[in-house]
Amino acid sequence: MEQISANLAFGGRQLRYRHAAESLSCDMTFSIFVPPQAEERPVPVLYWLSGLTCTDENFVQKAGAQRAAAAHGIAVVAPDTSPRGEAVPDDPEGAYDFGLGAGFYLNATQPPWSQHYHMYDYITEELPRLVETSFPVDPERQGIMGHSMGGHGALTIALKNPGRFRAASAFAPICSPMNCPWGEKALGGYLGADHNAWRAYDTCALLDDGAATLPVRVDQGLDDTFLEAQLKPELLEAAADDAGLPLALHRHPGYDHSYFFIATFIDDHMAFHANHF
């Protein structure tokens, strides 16, 4: 790993690194907040997955999570949202919702995306190995959370890895990519036309198919411009009810899709995970 930056925050360290990612066949960056308690003992680790167009820096600079992470003694890891580099293909039309910055936390099977776009393997295997061998974190106490596309990633990864995460949470997640324009474009492009393959990366479909459950918190702003067409929390609510998923869905009038919304409720998410650690 190559350290890019280091900043002191609330007695802990906000660090950023670059490394060669074998699963993505490119260099990747990630950020990690190491709380002050890590100087004395291994601490729980919480993975944050960001949304479309973001990098690891959006969350680090805008969410304001470091204060609560330091108070609860939690390490927070924020990876990038897609593979990067000159050799990595992008949306041929330059759209924001596919290609660079839009990895959707899956393993692509269709060329040319299948060479680099293995974000699922990176998030579930390669990055945790790197974190667990390089920082004083306790792998027995893990959580995962995210925003929008990253909320989709956090929920699907948690459901596909039973027993690994104590809890999962999301801000304004894409609840059913199979049933929205963002998801249809991404799943079709990365995975092809077989909708059965799409089900492995759809929270509602995973619940319908009998995935193991875990505690989940979701916060959704009711003035979110993507609410009706892209996010559809009512689909998650129905699937969770049918599957017996312990879902706490909080709807907030007046809030939108931005990091102002995330910063408002990030302390609640940190406390939610701390309770399960």
C-alpha atoms as a PDB file:
ATOM      1  CA  MET A   1       0.000   0.000   0.000  1.00  0.00           C
ATOM      2  CA  GLU A   2       1.024   3.577  -0.672  1.00  0.00           C
ATOM      3  CA  GLN A   3      -0.232   6.128   1.825  1.00  0.00           C
ATOM      4  CA  ILE A   4      -1.720   9.147   0.070  1.00  0.00           C
ATOM      5  CA  SER A   5      -2.773  11.240   3.070  1.00  0.00           C
ATOM      6  CA  ALA A   6      -3.107  11.196   6.849  1.00  0.00           C
ATOM      7  CA  ASN A   7      -5.122  13.555   9.044  1.00  0.00           C
ATOM      8  CA  LEU A   8      -5.799  13.626  12.765  1.00  0.00           C
ATOM      9  CA  ALA A   9      -9.521  13.789  13.590  1.00  0.00           C
ATOM     10  CA  PHE A  10     -11.223  13.441  16.995  1.00  0.00           C
ATOM     11  CA  GLY A  11      -8.180  11.673  18.386  1.00  0.00           C
ATOM     12  CA  GLY A  12      -8.165   9.117  15.565  1.00  0.00           C
ATOM     13  CA  ARG A  13      -6.497   9.001  12.159  1.00  0.00           C
ATOM     14  CA  GLN A  14      -8.179   9.538   8.805  1.00  0.00           C
ATOM     15  CA  LEU A  15      -5.989   7.706   6.317  1.00  0.00           C
ATOM     16  CA  ARG A  16      -6.057   7.227   2.548  1.00  0.00           C
ATOM     17  CA  TYR A  17      -4.189   4.580   0.541  1.00  0.00           C
ATOM     18  CA  ARG A  18      -3.558   3.402  -3.001  1.00  0.00           C
ATOM     19  CA  HIS A  19      -2.879  -0.242  -3.800  1.00  0.00           C
ATOM     20  CA  ALA A  20      -2.843  -2.698  -6.689  1.00  0.00           C
ATOM     21  CA  ALA A  21      -6.176  -4.531  -6.685  1.00  0.00           C
ATOM     22  CA  GLU A  22      -5.828  -8.011  -8.161  1.00  0.00           C
ATOM     23  CA  SER A  23      -9.588  -8.612  -8.357  1.00  0.00           C
ATOM     24  CA  LEU A  24     -10.075  -5.438 -10.436  1.00  0.00           C
ATOM     25  CA  SER A  25      -6.823  -5.528 -12.444  1.00  0.00           C
ATOM     26  CA  CYS A  26      -6.085  -1.891 -11.635  1.00  0.00           C
ATOM     27  CA  ASP A  27      -4.915   0.415  -8.865  1.00  0.00           C
ATOM     28  CA  MET A  28      -7.546   1.396  -6.295  1.00  0.00           C
ATOM     29  CA  THR A  29      -7.832   3.909  -3.499  1.00  0.00           C
ATOM     30  CA  PHE A  30      -9.621   3.524  -0.187  1.00  0.00           C
ATOM     31  CA  SER A  31      -9.921   5.530   3.005  1.00  0.00           C
ATOM     32  CA  ILE A  32     -10.053   4.312   6.587  1.00  0.00           C
ATOM     33  CA  PHE A  33     -10.745   6.102   9.849  1.00  0.00           C
ATOM     34  CA  VAL A  34      -8.879   4.447  12.704  1.00  0.00           C
ATOM     35  CA  PRO A  35     -10.363   5.521  16.069  1.00  0.00           C
ATOM     36  CA  PRO A  36      -8.185   6.306  19.098  1.00  0.00           C
ATOM     37  CA  GLN A  37      -9.289   3.074  20.858  1.00  0.00           C
ATOM     38  CA  ALA A  38      -7.352   1.097  18.223  1.00  0.00           C
ATOM     39  CA  GLU A  39      -4.120   2.078  19.966  1.00  0.00           C
ATOM     40  CA  GLU A  40      -5.127  -0.234  22.840  1.00  0.00           C
ATOM     41  CA  ARG A  41      -7.176  -3.043  21.277  1.00  0.00           C
ATOM     42  CA  PRO A  42      -8.719  -4.290  18.022  1.00  0.00           C
ATOM     43  CA  VAL A  43     -11.872  -2.363  17.154  1.00  0.00           C
ATOM     44  CA  PRO A  44     -15.038  -3.195  15.174  1.00  0.00           C
ATOM     45  CA  VAL A  45     -14.944  -2.316  11.482  1.00  0.00           C
ATOM     46  CA  LEU A  46     -17.716  -0.744   9.433  1.00  0.00           C
ATOM     47  CA  TYR A  47     -17.624  -0.663   5.621  1.00  0.00           C
ATOM     48  CA  TRP A  48     -19.217   2.288   3.811  1.00  0.00           C
ATOM     49  CA  LEU A  49     -20.220   1.950   0.126  1.00  0.00           C
ATOM     50  CA  SER A  50     -20.835   5.193  -1.769  1.00  0.00           C
ATOM     51  CA  GLY A  51     -23.245   5.993  -4.580  1.00  0.00           C
ATOM     52  CA  LEU A  52     -23.088   6.864  -8.262  1.00  0.00           C
ATOM     53  CA  THR A  53     -20.315   9.264  -9.367  1.00  0.00           C
ATOM     54  CA  CYS A  54     -18.634   9.156  -5.920  1.00  0.00           C
ATOM     55  CA  THR A  55     -15.154   8.156  -4.818  1.00  0.00           C
ATOM     56  CA  ASP A  56     -14.005   7.267  -1.312  1.00  0.00           C
ATOM     57  CA  GLU A  57     -13.542  10.973  -0.569  1.00  0.00           C
ATOM     58  CA  ASN A  58     -17.205  12.042  -0.724  1.00  0.00           C
ATOM     59  CA  PHE A  59     -18.120  10.195   2.452  1.00  0.00           C
ATOM     60  CA  VAL A  60     -14.893  11.058   4.246  1.00  0.00           C
ATOM     61  CA  GLN A  61     -15.229  14.793   3.632  1.00  0.00           C
ATOM     62  CA  LYS A  62     -19.014  15.312   3.738  1.00  0.00           C
ATOM     63  CA  ALA A  63     -20.701  12.771   6.027  1.00  0.00           C
ATOM     64  CA  GLY A  64     -19.111  13.854   9.302  1.00  0.00           C
ATOM     65  CA  ALA A  65     -18.846  10.278  10.540  1.00  0.00           C
ATOM     66  CA  GLN A  66     -15.504  10.610  12.315  1.00  0.00           C
ATOM     67  CA  ARG A  67     -16.882  12.157  15.515  1.00  0.00           C
ATOM     68  CA  ALA A  68     -19.320   9.293  16.142  1.00  0.00           C
ATOM     69  CA  ALA A  69     -16.818   6.674  14.966  1.00  0.00           C
ATOM     70  CA  ALA A  70     -14.311   7.973  17.515  1.00  0.00           C
ATOM     71  CA  ALA A  71     -16.930   8.078  20.266  1.00  0.00           C
ATOM     72  CA  HIS A  72     -18.002   4.477  19.622  1.00  0.00           C
ATOM     73  CA  GLY A  73     -14.514   3.169  18.836  1.00  0.00           C
ATOM     74  CA  ILE A  74     -15.309   1.969  15.297  1.00  0.00           C
ATOM     75  CA  ALA A  75     -12.996   1.839  12.282  1.00  0.00           C
ATOM     76  CA  VAL A  76     -14.724   2.977   9.080  1.00  0.00           C
ATOM     77  CA  VAL A  77     -13.510   1.830   5.652  1.00  0.00           C
ATOM     78  CA  ALA A  78     -14.623   3.700   2.515  1.00  0.00           C
ATOM     79  CA  PRO A  79     -13.580   2.182  -0.838  1.00  0.00           C
ATOM     80  CA  ASP A  80     -13.971   3.707  -4.286  1.00  0.00           C
ATOM     81  CA  THR A  81     -17.123   2.916  -6.285  1.00  0.00           C
ATOM     82  CA  SER A  82     -15.579   1.273  -9.363  1.00  0.00           C
ATOM     83  CA  PRO A  83     -12.295   0.224 -10.932  1.00  0.00           C
ATOM     84  CA  ARG A  84     -10.274   3.126 -12.365  1.00  0.00           C
ATOM     85  CA  GLY A  85      -7.524   3.714 -14.912  1.00  0.00           C
ATOM     86  CA  GLU A  86      -6.885   4.302 -18.592  1.00  0.00           C
ATOM     87  CA  ALA A  87      -7.454   0.633 -19.451  1.00  0.00           C
ATOM     88  CA  VAL A  88     -10.776   0.424 -17.587  1.00  0.00           C
ATOM     89  CA  PRO A  89     -13.775   0.796 -19.922  1.00  0.00           C
ATOM     90  CA  ASP A  90     -16.399   3.478 -19.303  1.00  0.00           C
ATOM     91  CA  ASP A  91     -19.934   4.067 -20.538  1.00  0.00           C
ATOM     92  CA  PRO A  92     -19.564   4.666 -24.296  1.00  0.00           C
ATOM     93  CA  GLU A  93     -21.930   7.634 -24.057  1.00  0.00           C
ATOM     94  CA  GLY A  94     -20.222   9.064 -20.993  1.00  0.00           C
ATOM     95  CA  ALA A  95     -23.301   8.665 -18.797  1.00  0.00           C
ATOM     96  CA  TYR A  96     -22.922   8.908 -15.017  1.00  0.00           C
ATOM     97  CA  ASP A  97     -24.929   5.775 -14.197  1.00  0.00           C
ATOM     98  CA  PHE A  98     -22.725   3.122 -15.811  1.00  0.00           C
ATOM     99  CA  GLY A  99     -18.997   2.417 -16.015  1.00  0.00           C
ATOM    100  CA  LEU A 100     -16.567   4.579 -14.040  1.00  0.00           C
ATOM    101  CA  GLY A 101     -18.043   5.585 -10.701  1.00  0.00           C
ATOM    102  CA  ALA A 102     -20.888   3.110 -11.158  1.00  0.00           C
ATOM    103  CA  GLY A 103     -19.586  -0.368 -10.374  1.00  0.00           C
ATOM    104  CA  PHE A 104     -22.833  -1.458  -8.643  1.00  0.00           C
ATOM    105  CA  TYR A 105     -20.885  -3.787  -6.314  1.00  0.00           C
ATOM    106  CA  LEU A 106     -21.294  -6.848  -8.534  1.00  0.00           C
ATOM    107  CA  ASN A 107     -19.091  -9.165 -10.591  1.00  0.00           C
ATOM    108  CA  ALA A 108     -19.573  -8.381 -14.270  1.00  0.00           C
ATOM    109  CA  THR A 109     -19.818 -11.334 -16.640  1.00  0.00           C
ATOM    110  CA  GLN A 110     -20.168  -9.506 -19.976  1.00  0.00           C
ATOM    111  CA  PRO A 111     -17.253  -8.153 -22.037  1.00  0.00           C
ATOM    112  CA  PRO A 112     -15.611  -5.684 -21.887  1.00  0.00           C
ATOM    113  CA  TRP A 113     -16.719  -5.128 -18.281  1.00  0.00           C
ATOM    114  CA  SER A 114     -15.820  -8.618 -17.056  1.00  0.00           C
ATOM    115  CA  GLN A 115     -12.069  -7.905 -17.110  1.00  0.00           C
ATOM    116  CA  HIS A 116     -12.190  -5.203 -14.434  1.00  0.00           C
ATOM    117  CA  TYR A 117     -15.646  -4.811 -12.909  1.00  0.00           C
ATOM    118  CA  HIS A 118     -15.486  -7.292 -10.024  1.00  0.00           C
ATOM    119  CA  MET A 119     -16.459  -4.928  -7.224  1.00  0.00           C
ATOM    120  CA  TYR A 120     -18.266  -7.684  -5.325  1.00  0.00           C
ATOM    121  CA  ASP A 121     -15.067  -9.719  -5.006  1.00  0.00           C
ATOM    122  CA  TYR A 122     -13.091  -6.606  -4.123  1.00  0.00           C
ATOM    123  CA  ILE A 123     -15.470  -5.571  -1.331  1.00  0.00           C
ATOM    124  CA  THR A 124     -16.076  -9.042   0.105  1.00  0.00           C
ATOM    125  CA  GLU A 125     -12.624 -10.612  -0.256  1.00  0.00           C
ATOM    126  CA  GLU A 126      -9.630  -8.533  -1.307  1.00  0.00           C
ATOM    127  CA  LEU A 127     -10.233  -5.294   0.593  1.00  0.00           C
ATOM    128  CA  PRO A 128     -11.170  -7.000   3.904  1.00  0.00           C
ATOM    129  CA  ARG A 129      -8.006  -9.142   3.734  1.00  0.00           C
ATOM    130  CA  LEU A 130      -5.947  -6.007   3.262  1.00  0.00           C
ATOM    131  CA  VAL A 131      -7.713  -4.149   6.075  1.00  0.00           C
ATOM    132  CA  GLU A 132      -7.551  -7.050   8.527  1.00  0.00           C
ATOM    133  CA  THR A 133      -3.831  -7.611   7.994  1.00  0.00           C
ATOM    134  CA  SER A 134      -2.863  -3.924   8.020  1.00  0.00           C
ATOM    135  CA  PHE A 135      -4.980  -2.363  10.773  1.00  0.00           C
ATOM    136  CA  PRO A 136      -6.049  -3.311  14.336  1.00  0.00           C
ATOM    137  CA  VAL A 137      -9.628  -4.332  13.504  1.00  0.00           C
ATOM    138  CA  ASP A 138     -11.722  -7.199  14.853  1.00  0.00           C
ATOM    139  CA  PRO A 139     -13.088  -9.274  11.916  1.00  0.00           C
ATOM    140  CA  GLU A 140     -15.649 -10.863  14.232  1.00  0.00           C
ATOM    141  CA  ARG A 141     -17.369  -7.476  14.586  1.00  0.00           C
ATOM    142  CA  GLN A 142     -18.175  -6.176  11.118  1.00  0.00           C
ATOM    143  CA  GLY A 143     -20.978  -4.024   9.759  1.00  0.00           C
ATOM    144  CA  ILE A 144     -21.778  -2.553   6.362  1.00  0.00           C
ATOM    145  CA  MET A 145     -23.671   0.532   5.214  1.00  0.00           C
ATOM    146  CA  GLY A 146     -24.030   2.713   2.137  1.00  0.00           C
ATOM    147  CA  HIS A 147     -25.899   5.329   0.134  1.00  0.00           C
ATOM    148  CA  SER A 148     -28.038   4.925  -3.002  1.00  0.00           C
ATOM    149  CA  MET A 149     -26.075   2.528  -5.271  1.00  0.00           C
ATOM    150  CA  GLY A 150     -23.933   1.867  -2.196  1.00  0.00           C
ATOM    151  CA  GLY A 151     -27.035   1.190  -0.130  1.00  0.00           C
ATOM    152  CA  HIS A 152     -27.957  -1.450  -2.694  1.00  0.00           C
ATOM    153  CA  GLY A 153     -24.431  -2.828  -2.385  1.00  0.00           C
ATOM    154  CA  ALA A 154     -24.478  -2.892   1.408  1.00  0.00           C
ATOM    155  CA  LEU A 155     -27.816  -4.689   1.632  1.00  0.00           C
ATOM    156  CA  THR A 156     -27.102  -7.279  -1.056  1.00  0.00           C
ATOM    157  CA  ILE A 157     -23.602  -8.028   0.251  1.00  0.00           C
ATOM    158  CA  ALA A 158     -24.944  -8.454   3.784  1.00  0.00           C
ATOM    159  CA  LEU A 159     -27.682 -10.822   2.629  1.00  0.00           C
ATOM    160  CA  LYS A 160     -25.272 -12.840   0.445  1.00  0.00           C
ATOM    161  CA  ASN A 161     -22.791 -13.328   3.306  1.00  0.00           C
ATOM    162  CA  PRO A 162     -24.838 -14.662   6.243  1.00  0.00           C
ATOM    163  CA  GLY A 163     -23.161 -14.429   9.623  1.00  0.00           C
ATOM    164  CA  ARG A 164     -20.403 -12.131   8.455  1.00  0.00           C
ATOM    165  CA  PHE A 165     -21.985  -8.794   9.364  1.00  0.00           C
ATOM    166  CA  ARG A 166     -23.664  -7.978  12.663  1.00  0.00           C
ATOM    167  CA  ALA A 167     -25.983  -5.456  10.948  1.00  0.00           C
ATOM    168  CA  ALA A 168     -26.485  -3.477   7.734  1.00  0.00           C
ATOM    169  CA  SER A 169     -27.832   0.001   7.070  1.00  0.00           C
ATOM    170  CA  ALA A 170     -28.488   2.283   4.139  1.00  0.00           C
ATOM    171  CA  PHE A 171     -29.374   5.818   3.174  1.00  0.00           C
ATOM    172  CA  ALA A 172     -31.815   6.038   0.243  1.00  0.00           C
ATOM    173  CA  PRO A 173     -30.831   2.645  -1.214  1.00  0.00           C
ATOM    174  CA  ILE A 174     -31.753   1.372  -4.659  1.00  0.00           C
ATOM    175  CA  CYS A 175     -34.043  -1.256  -3.174  1.00  0.00           C
ATOM    176  CA  SER A 176     -34.750  -3.320  -6.279  1.00  0.00           C
ATOM    177  CA  PRO A 177     -32.379  -2.711  -9.226  1.00  0.00           C
ATOM    178  CA  MET A 178     -34.415  -5.153 -11.309  1.00  0.00           C
ATOM    179  CA  ASN A 179     -37.303  -2.702 -11.175  1.00  0.00           C
ATOM    180  CA  CYS A 180     -35.754   0.704 -11.869  1.00  0.00           C
ATOM    181  CA  PRO A 181     -33.947   2.396 -14.795  1.00  0.00           C
ATOM    182  CA  TRP A 182     -30.572   2.656 -13.047  1.00  0.00           C
ATOM    183  CA  GLY A 183     -30.614  -1.013 -12.158  1.00  0.00           C
ATOM    184  CA  GLU A 184     -31.942  -2.271 -15.471  1.00  0.00           C
ATOM    185  CA  LYS A 185     -29.128  -0.480 -17.298  1.00  0.00           C
ATOM    186  CA  ALA A 186     -26.425  -1.660 -14.911  1.00  0.00           C
ATOM    187  CA  LEU A 187     -27.568  -5.253 -14.486  1.00  0.00           C
ATOM    188  CA  GLY A 188     -28.234  -5.659 -18.202  1.00  0.00           C
ATOM    189  CA  GLY A 189     -24.889  -4.162 -19.177  1.00  0.00           C
ATOM    190  CA  TYR A 190     -22.749  -5.971 -16.622  1.00  0.00           C
ATOM    191  CA  LEU A 191     -24.600  -9.305 -16.430  1.00  0.00           C
ATOM    192  CA  GLY A 192     -26.438  -9.685 -19.746  1.00  0.00           C
ATOM    193  CA  ALA A 193     -30.078 -10.355 -20.513  1.00  0.00           C
ATOM    194  CA  ASP A 194     -30.698 -13.293 -18.146  1.00  0.00           C
ATOM    195  CA  HIS A 195     -32.870 -11.895 -15.349  1.00  0.00           C
ATOM    196  CA  ASN A 196     -32.132 -14.923 -13.182  1.00  0.00           C
ATOM    197  CA  ALA A 197     -28.542 -13.665 -12.931  1.00  0.00           C
ATOM    198  CA  TRP A 198     -29.846 -10.253 -11.873  1.00  0.00           C
ATOM    199  CA  ARG A 199     -31.589 -11.724  -8.818  1.00  0.00           C
ATOM    200  CA  ALA A 200     -28.257 -12.297  -7.070  1.00  0.00           C
ATOM    201  CA  TYR A 201     -27.783  -8.514  -6.895  1.00  0.00           C
ATOM    202  CA  ASP A 202     -31.292  -7.381  -5.964  1.00  0.00           C
ATOM    203  CA  THR A 203     -32.169  -7.003  -2.270  1.00  0.00           C
ATOM    204  CA  CYS A 204     -35.858  -7.749  -2.727  1.00  0.00           C
ATOM    205  CA  ALA A 205     -35.179 -10.783  -4.922  1.00  0.00           C
ATOM    206  CA  LEU A 206     -32.643 -12.144  -2.417  1.00  0.00           C
ATOM    207  CA  LEU A 207     -35.232 -11.863   0.357  1.00  0.00           C
ATOM    208  CA  ASP A 208     -37.856 -13.519  -1.838  1.00  0.00           C
ATOM    209  CA  ASP A 209     -35.399 -16.332  -2.550  1.00  0.00           C
ATOM    210  CA  GLY A 210     -34.868 -17.051   1.154  1.00  0.00           C
ATOM    211  CA  ALA A 211     -31.700 -15.176   2.082  1.00  0.00           C
ATOM    212  CA  ALA A 212     -30.730 -15.236   5.743  1.00  0.00           C
ATOM    213  CA  THR A 213     -31.788 -12.095   7.557  1.00  0.00           C
ATOM    214  CA  LEU A 214     -30.023  -9.650   9.878  1.00  0.00           C
ATOM    215  CA  PRO A 215     -30.897  -6.324  11.547  1.00  0.00           C
ATOM    216  CA  VAL A 216     -31.300  -3.573   8.925  1.00  0.00           C
ATOM    217  CA  ARG A 217     -31.857   0.172   9.229  1.00  0.00           C
ATOM    218  CA  VAL A 218     -32.853   2.323   6.240  1.00  0.00           C
ATOM    219  CA  ASP A 219     -33.354   6.099   6.153  1.00  0.00           C
ATOM    220  CA  GLN A 220     -35.142   7.704   3.223  1.00  0.00           C
ATOM    221  CA  GLY A 221     -35.788  11.387   2.532  1.00  0.00           C
ATOM    222  CA  LEU A 222     -39.270  12.076   1.178  1.00  0.00           C
ATOM    223  CA  ASP A 223     -38.096  15.019  -0.970  1.00  0.00           C
ATOM    224  CA  ASP A 224     -35.588  12.778  -2.743  1.00  0.00           C
ATOM    225  CA  THR A 225     -35.984  13.378  -6.490  1.00  0.00           C
ATOM    226  CA  PHE A 226     -35.109   9.712  -7.168  1.00  0.00           C
ATOM    227  CA  LEU A 227     -37.605   8.267  -4.693  1.00  0.00           C
ATOM    228  CA  GLU A 228     -40.407   7.081  -6.971  1.00  0.00           C
ATOM    229  CA  ALA A 229     -38.525   6.111 -10.126  1.00  0.00           C
ATOM    230  CA  GLN A 230     -35.280   4.635  -8.775  1.00  0.00           C
ATOM    231  CA  LEU A 231     -35.320   3.860  -5.030  1.00  0.00           C
ATOM    232  CA  LYS A 232     -38.781   2.377  -4.246  1.00  0.00           C
ATOM    233  CA  PRO A 233     -38.487   1.656  -0.513  1.00  0.00           C
ATOM    234  CA  GLU A 234     -42.020   0.264  -0.523  1.00  0.00           C
ATOM    235  CA  LEU A 235     -40.698  -2.778  -2.423  1.00  0.00           C
ATOM    236  CA  LEU A 236     -38.113  -3.404   0.288  1.00  0.00           C
ATOM    237  CA  GLU A 237     -40.713  -2.915   2.995  1.00  0.00           C
ATOM    238  CA  ALA A 238     -42.986  -5.546   1.412  1.00  0.00           C
ATOM    239  CA  ALA A 239     -40.151  -8.024   0.803  1.00  0.00           C
ATOM    240  CA  ALA A 240     -38.842  -7.577   4.349  1.00  0.00           C
ATOM    241  CA  ASP A 241     -42.296  -8.155   5.799  1.00  0.00           C
ATOM    242  CA  ASP A 242     -42.732 -11.360   3.784  1.00  0.00           C
ATOM    243  CA  ALA A 243     -39.241 -12.622   4.717  1.00  0.00           C
ATOM    244  CA  GLY A 244     -39.320 -11.668   8.384  1.00  0.00           C
ATOM    245  CA  LEU A 245     -36.380  -9.280   7.989  1.00  0.00           C
ATOM    246  CA  PRO A 246     -36.022  -7.010  11.052  1.00  0.00           C
ATOM    247  CA  LEU A 247     -36.171  -3.751   9.067  1.00  0.00           C
ATOM    248  CA  ALA A 248     -36.334  -0.303  10.662  1.00  0.00           C
ATOM    249  CA  LEU A 249     -37.379   2.020   7.813  1.00  0.00           C
ATOM    250  CA  HIS A 250     -37.319   5.720   8.709  1.00  0.00           C
ATOM    251  CA  ARG A 251     -38.969   8.208   6.331  1.00  0.00           C
ATOM    252  CA  HIS A 252     -37.988  11.873   6.691  1.00  0.00           C
ATOM    253  CA  PRO A 253     -40.132  14.671   5.211  1.00  0.00           C
ATOM    254  CA  GLY A 254     -38.186  17.463   3.534  1.00  0.00           C
ATOM    255  CA  TYR A 255     -34.876  15.619   3.113  1.00  0.00           C
ATOM    256  CA  ASP A 256     -33.323  14.934  -0.285  1.00  0.00           C
ATOM    257  CA  HIS A 257     -30.668  12.598  -1.736  1.00  0.00           C
ATOM    258  CA  SER A 258     -27.624  14.674  -0.782  1.00  0.00           C
ATOM    259  CA  TYR A 259     -24.898  14.396   1.819  1.00  0.00           C
ATOM    260  CA  PHE A 260     -26.765  17.010   3.871  1.00  0.00           C
ATOM    261  CA  PHE A 261     -29.279  14.217   4.492  1.00  0.00           C
ATOM    262  CA  ILE A 262     -26.546  11.702   5.282  1.00  0.00           C
ATOM    263  CA  ALA A 263     -24.737  14.070   7.652  1.00  0.00           C
ATOM    264  CA  THR A 264     -28.004  14.693   9.524  1.00  0.00           C
ATOM    265  CA  PHE A 265     -28.561  11.027  10.385  1.00  0.00           C
ATOM    266  CA  ILE A 266     -25.059   9.505  10.273  1.00  0.00           C
ATOM    267  CA  ASP A 267     -24.815   9.526  14.076  1.00  0.00           C
ATOM    268  CA  ASP A 268     -27.962   7.390  14.260  1.00  0.00           C
ATOM    269  CA  HIS A 269     -26.421   4.848  11.890  1.00  0.00           C
ATOM    270  CA  MET A 270     -23.174   4.740  13.820  1.00  0.00           C
ATOM    271  CA  ALA A 271     -25.111   4.151  17.054  1.00  0.00           C
ATOM    272  CA  PHE A 272     -27.194   1.442  15.345  1.00  0.00           C
ATOM    273  CA  HIS A 273     -24.080  -0.477  14.381  1.00  0.00           C
ATOM    274  CA  ALA A 274     -22.383   0.141  17.728  1.00  0.00           C
ATOM    275  CA  ASN A 275     -25.369  -1.455  19.466  1.00  0.00           C
ATOM    276  CA  HIS A 276     -24.880  -4.609  17.396  1.00  0.00           C
ATOM    277  CA  PHE A 277     -21.114  -4.686  17.968  1.00  0.00           C
END
